[in-house]
Protein backbone atom coordinates (compact mmCIF):
# COMPACT_ATOMS: atom_id res chain seq x y z
CA MET A 1 183.23 196.97 303.91
CA LYS A 2 185.79 199.04 305.80
CA ILE A 3 188.21 196.10 305.84
CA LYS A 4 187.91 195.73 302.07
CA SER A 5 188.52 199.48 301.64
CA TYR A 6 191.66 199.24 303.77
CA LYS A 7 192.80 196.26 301.72
CA GLY A 8 192.16 198.26 298.54
CA ILE A 9 194.20 201.19 299.84
CA SER A 10 197.00 198.86 300.92
CA MET A 11 197.14 197.25 297.50
CA LEU A 12 197.23 200.70 295.89
CA LEU A 13 200.12 201.78 298.11
CA ILE A 14 201.99 198.56 297.36
CA SER A 15 201.49 199.14 293.62
CA ILE A 16 202.81 202.69 293.90
CA LEU A 17 205.85 201.46 295.84
CA PHE A 18 206.56 198.87 293.17
CA LEU A 19 206.33 201.57 290.50
CA PHE A 20 208.83 203.73 292.40
CA ALA A 21 211.08 200.71 292.93
CA GLU A 22 210.90 199.84 289.25
CA HIS A 23 211.78 203.45 288.32
CA THR A 24 214.70 203.39 290.76
CA ILE A 25 216.01 200.13 289.33
CA THR A 26 215.60 201.07 285.65
CA ALA A 27 216.58 204.74 285.62
CA ASN A 28 219.77 205.19 287.61
CA VAL A 29 222.53 205.92 285.13
CA SER A 30 222.85 209.66 284.54
CA LEU A 31 225.49 212.06 283.24
CA PRO A 32 226.51 215.63 283.97
CA SER A 33 225.23 218.19 281.48
CA ILE A 34 228.67 218.64 279.90
CA PHE A 35 228.15 215.24 278.24
CA GLY A 36 225.31 215.27 275.73
CA ASN A 37 224.18 215.10 272.14
CA HIS A 38 226.05 217.40 269.71
CA MET A 39 229.06 217.67 272.01
CA VAL A 40 232.68 218.05 270.94
CA MET A 41 235.32 215.96 272.70
CA GLN A 42 239.01 216.79 272.61
CA GLN A 43 240.48 214.79 269.76
CA ASN A 44 243.27 212.24 270.21
CA ALA A 45 243.27 212.65 273.99
CA ASP A 46 242.59 210.78 277.21
CA VAL A 47 239.13 211.92 278.28
CA LYS A 48 237.33 211.16 281.51
CA LEU A 49 233.67 210.17 281.25
CA TRP A 50 231.79 210.19 284.53
CA GLY A 51 228.32 210.08 286.00
CA TRP A 52 226.06 208.70 288.69
CA GLY A 53 224.16 205.50 289.35
CA LYS A 54 222.88 203.16 292.03
CA PRO A 55 225.62 201.77 294.30
CA PHE A 56 226.92 198.40 293.02
CA GLU A 57 225.19 198.93 289.67
CA ASN A 58 227.19 197.37 286.83
CA ILE A 59 228.07 199.92 284.14
CA LYS A 60 229.24 199.15 280.60
CA VAL A 61 230.44 201.70 278.06
CA THR A 62 230.88 201.16 274.33
CA THR A 63 231.92 203.69 271.71
CA SER A 64 231.56 203.89 267.96
CA TRP A 65 235.32 204.31 267.51
CA SER A 66 236.40 201.21 269.43
CA ASN A 67 235.44 197.54 269.68
CA ASP A 68 236.24 197.47 273.39
CA THR A 69 233.58 197.26 276.10
CA LEU A 70 234.59 199.05 279.28
CA LYS A 71 233.12 197.85 282.57
CA THR A 72 232.96 199.22 286.11
CA VAL A 73 230.77 199.19 289.19
CA VAL A 74 229.11 202.24 290.76
CA ASN A 75 230.77 202.97 294.10
CA ASN A 76 228.98 203.47 297.41
CA ASN A 77 228.79 207.23 296.76
CA GLY A 78 226.84 206.65 293.57
CA HIS A 79 229.75 207.64 291.27
CA TRP A 80 231.32 205.90 288.28
CA SER A 81 233.89 206.95 285.70
CA PHE A 82 235.88 205.71 282.70
CA MET A 83 238.94 206.93 280.84
CA LEU A 84 238.45 206.96 277.08
CA HIS A 85 241.06 207.62 274.42
CA THR A 86 239.43 209.63 271.66
CA PRO A 87 240.29 209.38 267.95
CA LYS A 88 241.28 212.20 265.63
CA SER A 89 238.59 214.37 264.06
CA GLY A 90 236.83 213.15 260.96
CA GLU A 91 233.71 211.14 261.74
CA THR A 92 230.59 211.56 263.84
CA HIS A 93 230.48 209.26 266.87
CA HIS A 94 228.26 208.01 269.66
CA ILE A 95 228.75 206.59 273.16
CA THR A 96 226.46 204.08 274.88
CA ILE A 97 226.35 203.75 278.66
CA GLN A 98 224.46 200.70 279.91
CA GLY A 99 223.43 200.15 283.51
CA TYR A 100 219.94 199.37 284.77
CA ASN A 101 218.99 201.81 282.04
CA LYS A 102 220.72 202.83 278.81
CA VAL A 103 221.99 206.31 277.90
CA VAL A 104 223.18 207.08 274.38
CA ILE A 105 225.10 210.23 273.45
CA ASP A 106 224.68 210.91 269.73
CA ASP A 107 226.25 213.25 267.18
CA ILE A 108 229.62 213.56 268.92
CA LEU A 109 232.41 215.33 267.06
CA MET A 110 236.11 215.06 267.84
CA GLY A 111 237.96 218.35 267.66
CA GLU A 112 239.40 221.18 269.74
CA VAL A 113 237.67 222.17 272.99
CA TRP A 114 238.18 225.59 274.57
CA LEU A 115 236.75 227.15 277.73
CA CYS A 116 235.88 230.87 277.45
CA SER A 117 235.62 232.61 280.81
CA GLY A 118 235.79 235.97 282.56
CA GLN A 119 233.40 238.87 282.89
CA SER A 120 231.26 241.01 280.61
CA ASN A 121 233.60 241.52 277.66
CA MET A 122 233.87 237.75 277.27
CA GLU A 123 230.16 237.37 277.93
CA TRP A 124 229.16 240.03 275.38
CA CYS A 125 227.06 238.55 272.59
CA ALA A 126 225.43 239.59 269.33
CA SER A 127 222.11 240.18 271.08
CA TYR A 128 223.79 243.04 272.98
CA GLY A 129 225.14 244.44 269.72
CA PHE A 130 228.60 244.81 268.26
CA ILE A 131 230.07 246.10 265.00
CA ASN A 132 228.44 244.28 262.06
CA SER A 133 226.50 241.99 264.41
CA GLU A 134 223.42 241.66 262.18
CA GLU A 135 225.44 240.42 259.23
CA GLU A 136 227.46 238.07 261.41
CA ILE A 137 224.28 236.54 262.86
CA LYS A 138 222.98 235.76 259.35
CA ASN A 139 226.17 233.89 258.47
CA ALA A 140 226.53 231.94 261.71
CA THR A 141 225.56 228.47 260.49
CA HIS A 142 228.47 226.15 261.27
CA GLU A 143 227.85 222.43 261.58
CA GLU A 144 231.31 221.85 263.06
CA ILE A 145 231.11 224.52 265.76
CA ARG A 146 229.27 223.42 268.90
CA LEU A 147 228.37 225.68 271.81
CA PHE A 148 227.85 225.04 275.51
CA HIS A 149 226.70 228.01 277.59
CA VAL A 150 226.92 227.68 281.38
CA ASN A 151 224.02 229.56 282.92
CA TRP A 152 224.59 231.87 285.86
CA ARG A 153 224.74 230.12 289.20
CA THR A 154 226.47 230.97 292.47
CA SER A 155 227.25 228.81 295.48
CA PRO A 156 229.41 228.83 298.63
CA TYR A 157 229.99 225.10 298.04
CA ARG A 158 231.17 223.05 295.08
CA CYS A 159 228.33 221.92 292.84
CA ILE A 160 228.23 218.65 290.89
CA ASP A 161 226.50 219.88 287.73
CA VAL A 162 225.75 222.98 285.68
CA ASP A 163 222.69 224.19 283.84
CA GLY A 164 223.58 223.98 280.14
CA GLU A 165 223.55 221.84 277.02
CA TRP A 166 225.52 221.38 273.80
CA ILE A 167 223.94 222.99 270.75
CA LYS A 168 224.95 223.41 267.13
CA CYS A 169 226.06 226.86 266.01
CA THR A 170 223.23 228.53 264.09
CA PRO A 171 222.12 232.16 263.70
CA GLU A 172 219.63 231.56 266.50
CA THR A 173 222.10 230.01 268.95
CA MET A 174 225.11 232.18 268.10
CA LYS A 175 223.41 235.47 268.92
CA ASP A 176 223.26 234.71 272.66
CA PHE A 177 226.71 233.14 272.89
CA SER A 178 230.03 234.84 273.69
CA ALA A 179 230.91 236.86 270.59
CA ILE A 180 234.65 236.66 271.23
CA GLY A 181 234.32 232.92 271.80
CA TYR A 182 232.39 232.50 268.56
CA PHE A 183 234.85 234.45 266.40
CA PHE A 184 237.74 232.59 268.03
CA GLY A 185 236.07 229.27 267.27
CA ARG A 186 235.24 230.23 263.71
CA GLU A 187 238.87 231.08 262.98
CA LEU A 188 240.11 227.82 264.48
CA ASN A 189 237.54 225.81 262.55
CA GLN A 190 238.56 227.45 259.28
CA LYS A 191 242.32 227.45 259.83
CA LEU A 192 242.68 223.98 261.41
CA ASN A 193 239.82 222.36 259.48
CA VAL A 194 238.58 220.55 262.60
CA PRO A 195 235.41 220.82 264.71
CA VAL A 196 235.56 223.25 267.62
CA GLY A 197 233.72 222.99 270.92
CA LEU A 198 233.28 226.19 272.93
CA ILE A 199 232.28 226.27 276.59
CA SER A 200 231.20 229.74 277.70
CA SER A 201 231.28 230.22 281.48
CA ASN A 202 231.35 233.90 282.43
CA TRP A 203 229.52 236.53 284.46
CA GLY A 204 229.73 240.27 283.90
CA GLY A 205 231.07 242.26 286.84
CA THR A 206 232.77 239.35 288.61
CA PRO A 207 236.25 239.88 290.12
CA VAL A 208 238.94 237.26 289.59
CA GLU A 209 238.55 236.07 293.20
CA ALA A 210 235.09 234.69 292.44
CA TRP A 211 236.66 232.27 289.93
CA ILE A 212 239.33 230.93 292.31
CA PRO A 213 238.67 228.20 294.91
CA SER A 214 237.90 230.06 298.12
CA GLU A 215 240.47 228.20 300.21
CA LYS A 216 243.25 229.54 297.96
CA ILE A 217 242.17 233.09 298.78
CA LEU A 218 241.07 232.76 302.40
CA GLY A 219 244.18 230.75 303.27
CA ASN A 220 246.53 233.43 301.95
CA PRO A 221 246.56 236.56 304.18
CA ASP A 222 247.76 238.86 301.37
CA LEU A 223 245.21 237.63 298.82
CA ASN A 224 242.43 237.60 301.41
CA ASP A 225 243.25 241.19 302.37
CA ALA A 226 243.18 242.17 298.69
CA ALA A 227 239.87 240.37 298.14
CA ASN A 228 238.29 242.37 300.95
CA LYS A 229 239.03 245.56 299.02
CA VAL A 230 236.63 244.61 296.22
CA PRO A 231 233.37 246.49 296.82
CA TYR A 232 229.90 244.97 296.85
CA PHE A 233 228.36 244.79 293.38
CA PRO A 234 224.57 244.45 293.11
CA TRP A 235 224.89 242.90 289.64
CA ALA A 236 227.39 240.11 290.32
CA PRO A 237 228.84 237.93 293.09
CA ASN A 238 232.23 239.01 294.41
CA LYS A 239 232.96 236.49 297.17
CA PRO A 240 235.94 234.19 296.62
CA GLY A 241 235.05 230.90 294.99
CA TYR A 242 231.35 231.55 294.40
CA THR A 243 231.37 231.28 290.60
CA PHE A 244 234.18 228.73 290.58
CA ASN A 245 232.03 226.46 292.73
CA SER A 246 228.98 226.66 290.52
CA MET A 247 230.25 227.40 287.00
CA ILE A 248 233.72 225.79 286.75
CA ALA A 249 234.01 222.98 289.32
CA PRO A 250 231.06 220.97 287.92
CA ILE A 251 232.70 220.62 284.48
CA ILE A 252 236.04 219.49 285.92
CA PRO A 253 237.83 217.35 284.72
CA PHE A 254 236.26 217.59 281.24
CA THR A 255 239.22 217.56 278.85
CA ILE A 256 239.96 220.92 277.23
CA LYS A 257 242.72 222.21 274.98
CA GLY A 258 242.87 225.63 276.56
CA VAL A 259 241.23 228.62 278.23
CA LEU A 260 240.40 232.07 276.90
CA TRP A 261 240.23 234.64 279.71
CA TYR A 262 238.96 238.24 279.46
CA GLN A 263 238.54 239.78 282.88
CA GLY A 264 240.02 242.44 285.15
CA GLU A 265 237.70 245.42 285.01
CA ALA A 266 236.16 244.39 288.35
CA ASN A 267 239.58 244.31 290.07
CA VAL A 268 240.57 247.95 289.77
CA ASP A 269 240.22 248.30 293.55
CA ASN A 270 242.97 245.74 294.25
CA SER A 271 245.07 245.98 291.09
CA TYR A 272 248.32 245.49 293.01
CA ALA A 273 247.34 241.85 293.71
CA TYR A 274 246.04 240.97 290.25
CA THR A 275 249.24 239.32 288.97
CA ASP A 276 249.29 236.95 291.93
CA MET A 277 245.55 236.35 291.70
CA LEU A 278 245.74 235.37 288.04
CA LYS A 279 248.73 233.13 288.69
CA VAL A 280 246.80 231.32 291.43
CA LEU A 281 243.73 230.94 289.22
CA VAL A 282 245.65 229.29 286.40
CA LYS A 283 247.64 227.05 288.74
CA CYS A 284 244.49 225.88 290.54
CA TRP A 285 242.52 225.27 287.36
CA ARG A 286 245.37 223.29 285.82
CA GLU A 287 245.64 221.16 288.95
CA GLU A 288 241.88 220.58 288.94
CA PHE A 289 241.64 219.80 285.22
CA LYS A 290 244.81 217.71 285.57
CA THR A 291 246.34 219.20 282.44
CA ASN A 292 248.71 222.00 281.54
CA PHE A 293 246.16 223.61 279.24
CA ALA A 294 247.03 226.67 277.17
CA PHE A 295 246.01 229.97 278.74
CA HIS A 296 245.37 232.96 276.47
CA TYR A 297 244.06 236.16 278.01
CA ALA A 298 243.16 239.69 277.00
CA GLN A 299 244.61 242.80 278.53
CA ILE A 300 241.63 244.98 279.43
CA ALA A 301 240.88 247.81 277.02
CA PRO A 302 241.57 251.49 277.82
CA PHE A 303 238.64 253.26 279.51
CA LYS A 304 238.64 256.84 280.74
CA ASP A 305 236.35 256.51 283.77
CA TYR A 306 238.48 254.31 285.99
CA GLN A 307 239.60 256.04 289.20
CA LYS A 308 243.12 257.52 289.22
CA THR A 309 245.42 255.05 287.37
CA SER A 310 243.63 251.85 288.40
CA GLY A 311 242.84 250.83 284.81
CA VAL A 312 246.42 251.00 283.56
CA GLU A 313 247.58 249.28 286.76
CA ILE A 314 245.43 246.27 285.87
CA ARG A 315 246.87 246.27 282.35
CA ASP A 316 250.40 246.34 283.74
CA ALA A 317 249.59 243.59 286.24
CA GLN A 318 248.31 241.49 283.35
CA ARG A 319 251.48 242.18 281.35
CA ARG A 320 253.62 241.09 284.31
CA ALA A 321 251.58 237.90 284.67
CA LEU A 322 253.18 236.62 281.46
CA ASP A 323 256.41 236.14 283.42
CA VAL A 324 254.82 233.94 286.09
CA ILE A 325 252.24 231.91 284.13
CA PRO A 326 253.83 229.25 281.89
CA ASN A 327 252.19 228.34 278.58
CA SER A 328 250.32 231.63 278.40
CA ASN A 329 249.97 234.59 276.07
CA MET A 330 248.30 238.00 276.29
CA ILE A 331 246.50 239.84 273.51
CA VAL A 332 246.40 243.65 273.52
CA VAL A 333 243.24 245.38 272.27
CA SER A 334 244.02 249.05 272.95
CA ASP A 335 243.79 249.99 269.26
CA ILE A 336 240.38 248.34 268.82
CA GLY A 337 238.91 249.60 272.08
CA ASP A 338 236.69 252.54 272.96
CA THR A 339 237.88 254.80 275.76
CA THR A 340 234.30 255.98 276.38
CA ASP A 341 232.80 252.48 276.64
CA ILE A 342 234.00 249.75 278.98
CA HIS A 343 232.55 247.26 276.47
CA PRO A 344 234.33 247.89 273.14
CA ARG A 345 232.12 246.75 270.25
CA ASN A 346 234.84 245.43 267.96
CA LYS A 347 234.45 241.83 269.05
CA ILE A 348 235.42 240.40 265.65
CA ASP A 349 239.05 241.52 265.78
CA ALA A 350 239.31 240.66 269.48
CA GLY A 351 238.18 237.11 268.72
CA LYS A 352 240.62 236.87 265.82
CA ARG A 353 243.52 238.01 268.00
CA PHE A 354 242.68 235.30 270.49
CA ALA A 355 242.59 232.82 267.61
CA TYR A 356 245.91 233.93 266.13
CA SER A 357 247.47 233.75 269.60
CA ALA A 358 246.31 230.13 269.94
CA LEU A 359 247.18 229.18 266.37
CA ASN A 360 250.73 230.46 266.89
CA LYS A 361 251.59 229.46 270.46
CA THR A 362 249.36 226.42 271.01
CA TYR A 363 249.24 224.90 267.53
CA GLY A 364 252.68 226.00 266.31
CA LEU A 365 251.46 227.88 263.23
CA THR A 366 253.93 230.74 263.44
CA GLU A 367 252.64 232.47 260.32
CA TYR A 368 249.92 233.93 262.55
CA PRO A 369 250.88 236.96 264.70
CA LEU A 370 251.37 236.26 268.39
CA SER A 371 251.81 239.61 270.12
CA GLY A 372 252.50 243.28 269.84
CA PRO A 373 255.66 244.80 271.38
CA LEU A 374 256.13 243.93 275.06
CA PHE A 375 258.60 245.68 277.35
CA LYS A 376 261.76 243.58 277.75
CA ASP A 377 264.54 245.69 279.29
CA TYR A 378 266.07 249.16 279.47
CA THR A 379 269.57 250.63 279.57
CA ILE A 380 270.50 254.11 280.82
CA ASN A 381 273.17 256.02 278.93
CA GLY A 382 273.62 259.46 280.48
CA ASN A 383 270.32 261.31 280.10
CA LYS A 384 268.93 258.79 277.60
CA VAL A 385 267.07 255.53 278.15
CA GLU A 386 267.24 252.76 275.56
CA VAL A 387 264.14 250.55 275.74
CA SER A 388 264.04 247.09 274.15
CA PHE A 389 260.94 245.05 273.46
CA LYS A 390 259.96 241.47 272.76
CA TYR A 391 258.25 241.05 269.38
CA SER A 392 259.91 244.25 268.20
CA GLU A 393 260.65 243.36 264.59
CA GLY A 394 259.42 246.12 262.33
CA LEU A 395 258.85 248.52 265.22
CA HIS A 396 257.13 251.65 263.90
CA CYS A 397 254.99 254.61 264.82
CA THR A 398 251.60 255.14 263.18
CA GLU A 399 251.80 258.93 263.60
CA LYS A 400 254.45 261.61 263.15
CA GLU A 401 255.81 261.19 266.67
CA LEU A 402 255.83 258.53 269.35
CA LYS A 403 253.68 259.62 272.25
CA MET A 404 253.07 258.78 275.90
CA PHE A 405 256.65 257.91 276.91
CA GLU A 406 257.76 259.38 280.25
CA VAL A 407 260.91 259.25 282.38
CA ALA A 408 261.60 259.85 286.07
CA GLY A 409 264.65 260.33 288.29
CA LYS A 410 265.23 259.19 291.84
CA ASP A 411 262.50 261.55 293.02
CA LEU A 412 259.95 259.54 290.96
CA LYS A 413 258.56 262.70 289.40
CA TRP A 414 257.47 261.82 285.89
CA TYR A 415 257.99 264.04 282.86
CA PRO A 416 256.89 263.67 279.22
CA ALA A 417 259.76 262.43 277.07
CA LYS A 418 260.84 262.52 273.47
CA ALA A 419 261.02 259.06 271.93
CA VAL A 420 262.53 257.87 268.66
CA ILE A 421 262.81 254.41 267.11
CA LYS A 422 266.28 253.12 266.27
CA ASN A 423 267.09 249.54 265.26
CA ASP A 424 263.79 248.22 266.65
CA LYS A 425 264.46 249.91 269.98
CA VAL A 426 263.16 253.16 271.42
CA ILE A 427 265.48 255.91 272.68
CA VAL A 428 263.77 258.08 275.32
CA SER A 429 264.92 261.35 276.90
CA SER A 430 263.61 264.47 278.62
CA LYS A 431 265.28 267.84 279.24
CA GLU A 432 263.71 267.90 282.70
CA VAL A 433 265.40 264.65 283.80
CA LYS A 434 269.19 264.74 283.67
CA ALA A 435 269.68 261.38 285.39
CA PRO A 436 266.74 259.09 284.51
CA VAL A 437 266.04 256.04 286.66
CA HIS A 438 262.69 254.83 285.36
CA VAL A 439 260.75 254.86 282.10
CA ARG A 440 257.12 254.17 281.29
CA LEU A 441 254.70 254.15 278.38
CA GLY A 442 250.98 254.92 278.22
CA TRP A 443 250.51 255.34 281.95
CA THR A 444 246.90 256.57 281.83
CA ASN A 445 243.61 254.70 281.98
CA SER A 446 242.63 255.73 278.44
CA ALA A 447 246.04 255.44 276.75
CA THR A 448 245.79 254.45 273.08
CA LEU A 449 249.36 253.91 271.94
CA ASN A 450 250.85 254.48 268.49
CA LEU A 451 253.78 252.05 268.75
CA PHE A 452 253.30 248.91 266.63
CA ASN A 453 255.37 246.03 265.22
CA LYS A 454 255.48 244.45 261.75
CA ASP A 455 252.26 242.54 262.45
CA ASN A 456 250.50 245.86 263.10
CA LEU A 457 249.80 244.85 266.68
CA PRO A 458 250.01 247.56 269.37
CA ALA A 459 252.52 247.76 272.20
CA SER A 460 251.41 247.21 275.76
CA SER A 461 251.67 250.00 278.31
CA PHE A 462 254.35 249.44 280.96
CA THR A 463 256.36 250.99 283.74
CA THR A 464 259.69 250.04 285.30
CA GLU A 465 258.56 251.35 288.68
CA GLU A 466 257.41 248.71 291.18
CA TRP A 467 254.06 250.42 291.69
CA SER A 468 252.31 247.30 293.00
CA LYS A 469 254.53 247.16 296.09
CA VAL A 470 253.89 250.84 296.75
CA MET A 471 250.13 250.40 296.38
CA HIS A 472 250.10 247.38 298.69
CA SER A 473 251.86 249.33 301.43
CA LEU A 474 249.35 252.19 301.36
């Protein structure tokens, strides 16, 4: 009897092993989460499709927009990939991947794909509340807007997948998605008449270093020193690379049109390095995604509770980044901010400004406004300083007098100055400074400027003093 029992157990174990073997043989092909039902793929582009399987497994891919059958073999690391050329927007598509098992991706739209990243102001959603949020939630049914939210994860090593899925934009799904991302996508969908895919990967309170590959920070003594000045935050990771590894790297090299970036509030402790940090981030991401994607970013909003002048230093560092980051543009939100709240609740206009920036610079629709006045150059004539701006057409003041201009001499002591507009330039002078050397505008954390251009977009704060070098030497 015991022998029969052993035989029975052996047969049971063999049956279980066969079941596991059968499952292994028939269920090997899998995809990262960024590929799934309801997704948007970048239209008319070369797109990489990748996944995993059993080594030496034969993989075939067919698409609804082509008669071709693509074939490959899973390598010894369990990876496979294909390059697909996508069609223009217009129809709904599907992709079939056949290995030992079959995976079908349904309800695919071709359109424009944008990655929305940064910290809390990009993360902010309707569930948190913003101006007119209840009405916007009710009207948020958009069949051609698809959302992919990357859930919070952190890792000291690069991850191969993220926790997220593509979903259609509805009142229920929109309310927990990036509000700025949603309003940006809605404008693009309406103005371009194409589907829009939005990938939201952000974490409130994260410094820029967390979104940069760690080796790019640790291998640069200056950037590493700056990164060490960021304090510990109990609400967010601050170590270099930790959110890049877990929330950006796994979706690379998914083809995107561009990136929206709203971040900087967590870098007020190392503002002097922010221009270089942002430059490194964009360069690294473009190398990883293997495309010179468009980069549109927001200058942080004025806020009174930053220490000393750290808030305006970040804004100036962001302004200066325009000169070192190709194919980029910066939106200014000082006039729609809230100096008492680090999270301004006018997300609608912020999203629209991002959209107009992209429509103009990325899509070539110049009827949409690109930027407010940006400092260009200055000329000293005796005791007067003539300041010129980019995007200065229709330069005007929204109040009786221009405010927040200052000048300084060689002693770098700053004095309030009188400023008047003449021929789309600003003439600045102060009785206290007979021989001016430098000029600046809005050099306070809470500065809300009253200098605008014809598009009614506000000027950015600026200074001609090289403050970042001074701060770095302290």
